[in-house]
């Protein structure tokens, strides 16, 4: 992303595009050098889709931000968080359509997306082609592409920690840790479980010094519990980490060194 951003600014280009090697994941850079990846990319393509298909649902992976959900809802859409894994989000979007709920986009924060109008193929080039049309449209209107996501609220802080599971049966132990954490959360007056969560445990942290959320889930393939934390205030992650560390120190067969650094 740093390389494509530098190239766009150096050449004074209108747009920069970047793919992974098999072109199923994509990201972009606008003419001002603003990175359009992760939450920004999802918000931007959601705004495009909602102009064409109002009230659509958008299936994303589990650790998309609260700001993205508010952005999509504000435009009249529905944000449907599901499990990580491109097959998971695609299949869930197809399921929603079959159930009579329009869903035109399935996408992960990695930029791995598929659109209903493109037969739900995980095709990064098709996704970017939608953005190229928008580049031309906003330029004719004398606007910037990022004007479309001006209302997107992004977190002040965002981090991921990977907690290594040391038990032989890592899936069973990982799920047990998640269950234990759920009990711990129930005892915290200013923490609340987020409803309709399909993967791990997602918790809203409502205190003024935290103002954020965290998600603990079991990795799809590795003996790891990824922990994602976001906060809307400076120092919020440190506050959430401190309280979580107190819990994790009492859990056996778990390496939490990254959380304590």
Protein backbone atom coordinates (compact mmCIF):
# COMPACT_ATOMS: atom_id res chain seq x y z
CA UNK A 1 0.00 0.00 0.00
CA UNK A 2 2.87 2.38 0.75
CA UNK A 3 4.41 1.71 -2.69
CA UNK A 4 1.19 2.30 -4.67
CA UNK A 5 0.42 5.41 -2.63
CA UNK A 6 3.88 6.83 -3.38
CA UNK A 7 3.48 6.05 -7.09
CA UNK A 8 0.09 7.80 -7.29
CA UNK A 9 1.44 10.95 -5.65
CA UNK A 10 4.66 10.94 -7.72
CA UNK A 11 2.84 10.59 -11.05
CA UNK A 12 -0.10 12.78 -10.00
CA UNK A 13 -2.39 9.96 -11.03
CA UNK A 14 -6.16 9.98 -10.63
CA UNK A 15 -6.27 6.53 -9.08
CA UNK A 16 -4.05 3.68 -7.95
CA UNK A 17 -5.03 0.01 -7.94
CA UNK A 18 -3.40 -2.90 -6.17
CA UNK A 19 -4.27 -6.62 -6.18
CA UNK A 20 -2.95 -9.76 -4.58
CA UNK A 21 -1.34 -12.27 -6.94
CA UNK A 22 -4.53 -14.09 -7.99
CA UNK A 23 -6.58 -10.88 -8.17
CA UNK A 24 -9.33 -11.92 -5.78
CA UNK A 25 -8.39 -9.22 -3.25
CA UNK A 26 -8.09 -5.55 -4.11
CA UNK A 27 -7.43 -2.12 -2.66
CA UNK A 28 -6.94 1.36 -4.09
CA UNK A 29 -5.49 4.84 -3.56
CA UNK A 30 -7.27 8.04 -4.59
CA UNK A 31 -5.65 11.06 -6.25
CA UNK A 32 -4.82 12.60 -2.85
CA UNK A 33 -2.93 9.50 -1.75
CA UNK A 34 -5.68 8.33 0.59
CA UNK A 35 -5.61 4.57 1.06
CA UNK A 36 -8.91 2.91 0.18
CA UNK A 37 -8.57 -0.47 1.84
CA UNK A 38 -10.14 -2.43 4.69
CA UNK A 39 -13.07 -0.48 6.21
CA UNK A 40 -12.76 2.41 3.74
CA UNK A 41 -12.99 0.08 0.75
CA UNK A 42 -16.08 -1.65 2.16
CA UNK A 43 -17.73 1.68 2.95
CA UNK A 44 -17.00 3.03 -0.53
CA UNK A 45 -18.33 0.04 -2.46
CA UNK A 46 -21.33 -0.06 -0.09
CA UNK A 47 -22.14 3.56 -0.96
CA UNK A 48 -21.97 2.67 -4.66
CA UNK A 49 -24.24 -0.35 -4.25
CA UNK A 50 -26.81 1.53 -2.14
CA UNK A 51 -27.16 4.19 -4.79
CA UNK A 52 -28.02 1.44 -7.27
CA UNK A 53 -29.88 -0.93 -4.91
CA UNK A 54 -31.26 0.86 -1.83
CA UNK A 55 -31.76 -1.18 1.36
CA UNK A 56 -29.27 -3.90 0.38
CA UNK A 57 -27.64 -6.01 3.07
CA UNK A 58 -23.85 -6.28 3.20
CA UNK A 59 -22.20 -9.39 4.60
CA UNK A 60 -18.74 -8.79 6.08
CA UNK A 61 -16.34 -10.70 8.27
CA UNK A 62 -16.62 -10.53 12.03
CA UNK A 63 -14.17 -7.78 12.97
CA UNK A 64 -15.41 -4.89 10.87
CA UNK A 65 -15.74 -1.66 12.84
CA UNK A 66 -18.73 -0.09 14.54
CA UNK A 67 -18.17 2.98 12.38
CA UNK A 68 -18.74 0.93 9.23
CA UNK A 69 -22.03 -0.44 10.59
CA UNK A 70 -23.18 3.10 11.39
CA UNK A 71 -22.15 4.32 7.94
CA UNK A 72 -24.06 1.58 6.09
CA UNK A 73 -27.13 1.99 8.30
CA UNK A 74 -27.03 5.76 7.77
CA UNK A 75 -27.32 5.22 4.02
CA UNK A 76 -30.31 2.91 4.46
CA UNK A 77 -28.45 -0.39 4.17
CA UNK A 78 -28.08 -3.33 6.54
CA UNK A 79 -24.70 -4.44 7.91
CA UNK A 80 -24.58 -8.19 8.55
CA UNK A 81 -21.38 -9.31 10.30
CA UNK A 82 -20.62 -12.97 9.82
CA UNK A 83 -17.67 -15.34 10.08
CA UNK A 84 -14.19 -14.75 8.70
CA UNK A 85 -13.38 -16.58 5.47
CA UNK A 86 -14.42 -15.54 1.97
CA UNK A 87 -16.47 -18.70 1.41
CA UNK A 88 -18.34 -18.00 4.64
CA UNK A 89 -19.33 -14.44 3.74
CA UNK A 90 -20.23 -15.39 0.16
CA UNK A 91 -22.38 -18.33 1.22
CA UNK A 92 -24.12 -16.21 3.85
CA UNK A 93 -24.92 -13.52 1.29
CA UNK A 94 -26.33 -16.16 -1.05
CA UNK A 95 -28.38 -17.56 1.85
CA UNK A 96 -29.85 -14.13 2.62
CA UNK A 97 -30.88 -13.68 -1.00
CA UNK A 98 -32.48 -17.11 -1.08
CA UNK A 99 -34.39 -16.16 2.07
CA UNK A 100 -35.77 -13.05 0.37
CA UNK A 101 -33.37 -10.48 1.88
CA UNK A 102 -31.45 -8.64 -0.83
CA UNK A 103 -27.69 -8.80 -0.34
CA UNK A 104 -25.54 -7.44 -3.16
CA UNK A 105 -22.10 -7.65 -1.59
CA UNK A 106 -20.07 -10.14 0.45
CA UNK A 107 -16.65 -8.82 1.48
CA UNK A 108 -13.87 -9.25 4.03
CA UNK A 109 -11.70 -6.48 5.45
CA UNK A 110 -8.82 -8.02 3.47
CA UNK A 111 -10.49 -6.70 0.28
CA UNK A 112 -11.70 -10.17 -0.68
CA UNK A 113 -15.11 -9.37 -2.15
CA UNK A 114 -17.86 -10.81 -4.33
CA UNK A 115 -20.92 -9.12 -5.81
CA UNK A 116 -24.33 -10.55 -6.61
CA UNK A 117 -24.35 -8.91 -10.04
CA UNK A 118 -21.12 -10.79 -10.82
CA UNK A 119 -22.51 -14.19 -9.74
CA UNK A 120 -20.70 -13.92 -6.39
CA UNK A 121 -17.31 -14.60 -7.97
CA UNK A 122 -14.45 -13.50 -5.69
CA UNK A 123 -13.16 -11.14 -8.35
CA UNK A 124 -11.06 -8.19 -7.22
CA UNK A 125 -10.88 -6.75 -10.73
CA UNK A 126 -14.67 -6.52 -10.97
CA UNK A 127 -14.84 -4.73 -7.63
CA UNK A 128 -12.26 -2.19 -8.76
CA UNK A 129 -14.09 -1.68 -12.06
CA UNK A 130 -17.03 -0.38 -10.01
CA UNK A 131 -14.70 2.12 -8.36
CA UNK A 132 -13.23 3.22 -11.71
CA UNK A 133 -16.71 4.25 -12.80
CA UNK A 134 -17.00 6.29 -9.61
CA UNK A 135 -13.64 7.98 -10.23
CA UNK A 136 -14.98 9.28 -13.54
CA UNK A 137 -18.37 10.24 -12.09
CA UNK A 138 -17.06 12.26 -9.14
CA UNK A 139 -14.44 13.97 -11.28
CA UNK A 140 -17.16 15.22 -13.64
CA UNK A 141 -18.98 16.56 -10.59
CA UNK A 142 -15.83 18.31 -9.33
CA UNK A 143 -15.63 16.09 -6.26
CA UNK A 144 -13.24 13.61 -4.69
CA UNK A 145 -13.86 9.89 -4.40
CA UNK A 146 -13.39 10.11 -0.63
CA UNK A 147 -16.28 12.61 -0.42
CA UNK A 148 -18.53 9.55 -0.69
CA UNK A 149 -17.24 8.24 2.66
CA UNK A 150 -16.85 11.57 4.44
CA UNK A 151 -19.31 10.41 7.12
CA UNK A 152 -17.40 7.20 7.87
CA UNK A 153 -16.28 7.25 11.50
CA UNK A 154 -12.92 5.52 11.90
CA UNK A 155 -11.47 4.40 15.25
CA UNK A 156 -8.73 6.37 16.94
CA UNK A 157 -6.89 3.12 17.75
CA UNK A 158 -7.01 -0.39 16.29
CA UNK A 159 -4.84 -3.41 17.14
CA UNK A 160 -4.77 -7.20 16.74
CA UNK A 161 -3.08 -9.57 19.19
CA UNK A 162 -2.57 -13.27 18.48
CA UNK A 163 -2.74 -15.41 21.60
CA UNK A 164 -1.10 -18.82 21.08
CA UNK A 165 -2.94 -21.90 22.34
CA UNK A 166 -0.53 -24.41 23.90
CA UNK A 167 -2.99 -27.27 24.46
CA UNK A 168 -2.91 -30.30 22.13
CA UNK A 169 -6.61 -30.03 21.28
CA UNK A 170 -6.41 -26.34 20.44
CA UNK A 171 -9.95 -26.01 19.11
CA UNK A 172 -11.56 -27.43 22.24
CA UNK A 173 -9.33 -25.33 24.49
CA UNK A 174 -9.91 -22.20 22.42
CA UNK A 175 -13.67 -22.58 22.62
CA UNK A 176 -13.38 -23.15 26.37
CA UNK A 177 -11.42 -19.90 26.75
CA UNK A 178 -14.14 -18.04 24.85
CA UNK A 179 -16.77 -19.52 27.18
CA UNK A 180 -14.75 -18.45 30.22
CA UNK A 181 -14.38 -14.94 28.85
CA UNK A 182 -18.13 -14.70 28.34
CA UNK A 183 -18.66 -15.41 32.05
CA UNK A 184 -16.04 -12.76 32.91
CA UNK A 185 -17.78 -10.18 30.69
CA UNK A 186 -21.12 -10.75 32.43
CA UNK A 187 -19.47 -9.52 35.64
CA UNK A 188 -18.28 -6.24 34.09
CA UNK A 189 -20.84 -3.48 34.57
CA UNK A 190 -19.71 -1.39 31.58
CA UNK A 191 -19.10 -4.26 29.13
CA UNK A 192 -21.87 -5.83 27.08
CA UNK A 193 -21.99 -8.79 24.71
CA UNK A 194 -22.84 -7.68 21.18
CA UNK A 195 -25.92 -9.59 19.91
CA UNK A 196 -26.13 -11.44 16.60
CA UNK A 197 -22.44 -12.36 16.68
CA UNK A 198 -21.58 -15.46 14.66
CA UNK A 199 -17.92 -15.93 15.55
CA UNK A 200 -16.24 -15.94 18.93
CA UNK A 201 -17.27 -13.25 21.39
CA UNK A 202 -17.67 -9.55 20.56
CA UNK A 203 -17.96 -7.09 23.44
CA UNK A 204 -18.87 -3.41 23.51
CA UNK A 205 -16.76 -1.46 26.03
CA UNK A 206 -18.85 1.52 27.08
CA UNK A 207 -16.68 3.31 29.64
CA UNK A 208 -15.52 6.84 28.67
CA UNK A 209 -11.85 5.84 28.91
CA UNK A 210 -12.41 2.82 26.63
CA UNK A 211 -15.29 3.66 24.22
CA UNK A 212 -14.68 0.74 21.89
CA UNK A 213 -15.03 -3.00 21.43
CA UNK A 214 -13.07 -6.23 21.24
CA UNK A 215 -13.52 -9.54 19.47
CA UNK A 216 -11.94 -12.82 20.53
CA UNK A 217 -12.32 -15.70 18.09
CA UNK A 218 -10.70 -18.99 17.23
CA UNK A 219 -8.48 -18.98 14.14
CA UNK A 220 -9.84 -21.02 11.24
CA UNK A 221 -6.70 -23.16 10.92
CA UNK A 222 -4.03 -22.24 13.50
CA UNK A 223 -3.72 -22.83 17.27
CA UNK A 224 -4.32 -19.14 17.87
CA UNK A 225 -6.97 -16.90 19.40
CA UNK A 226 -6.89 -13.59 17.47
CA UNK A 227 -7.96 -10.66 19.64
CA UNK A 228 -9.04 -7.49 17.84
CA UNK A 229 -9.51 -4.28 19.84
CA UNK A 230 -10.66 -0.87 18.65
CA UNK A 231 -11.25 2.34 20.58
CA UNK A 232 -12.59 5.78 19.75
CA UNK A 233 -10.39 7.51 22.35
CA UNK A 234 -6.63 7.79 22.72
CA UNK A 235 -5.35 5.25 25.24
CA UNK A 236 -8.57 3.25 25.08
CA UNK A 237 -6.93 0.07 23.86
CA UNK A 238 -4.48 0.14 26.75
CA UNK A 239 -7.40 0.33 29.19
CA UNK A 240 -9.19 -2.60 27.55
CA UNK A 241 -5.95 -4.61 27.35
CA UNK A 242 -5.29 -4.09 31.07
CA UNK A 243 -8.66 -5.55 32.05
CA UNK A 244 -8.38 -8.44 29.60
CA UNK A 245 -4.86 -9.26 30.78
CA UNK A 246 -6.21 -9.71 34.30
CA UNK A 247 -8.57 -12.36 32.94
CA UNK A 248 -6.10 -14.13 30.65
CA UNK A 249 -3.44 -14.46 33.35
CA UNK A 250 -5.71 -16.98 35.04
CA UNK A 251 -6.15 -19.11 31.90
CA UNK A 252 -3.94 -22.17 31.45
CA UNK A 253 -2.17 -23.27 28.25
CA UNK A 254 -2.31 -19.83 26.64
CA UNK A 255 0.67 -17.66 25.62
CA UNK A 256 -0.42 -14.03 26.12
CA UNK A 257 3.02 -12.43 25.74
CA UNK A 258 1.88 -10.17 22.88
CA UNK A 259 -0.93 -8.78 25.02
CA UNK A 260 1.49 -7.86 27.82
CA UNK A 261 4.15 -6.12 25.69
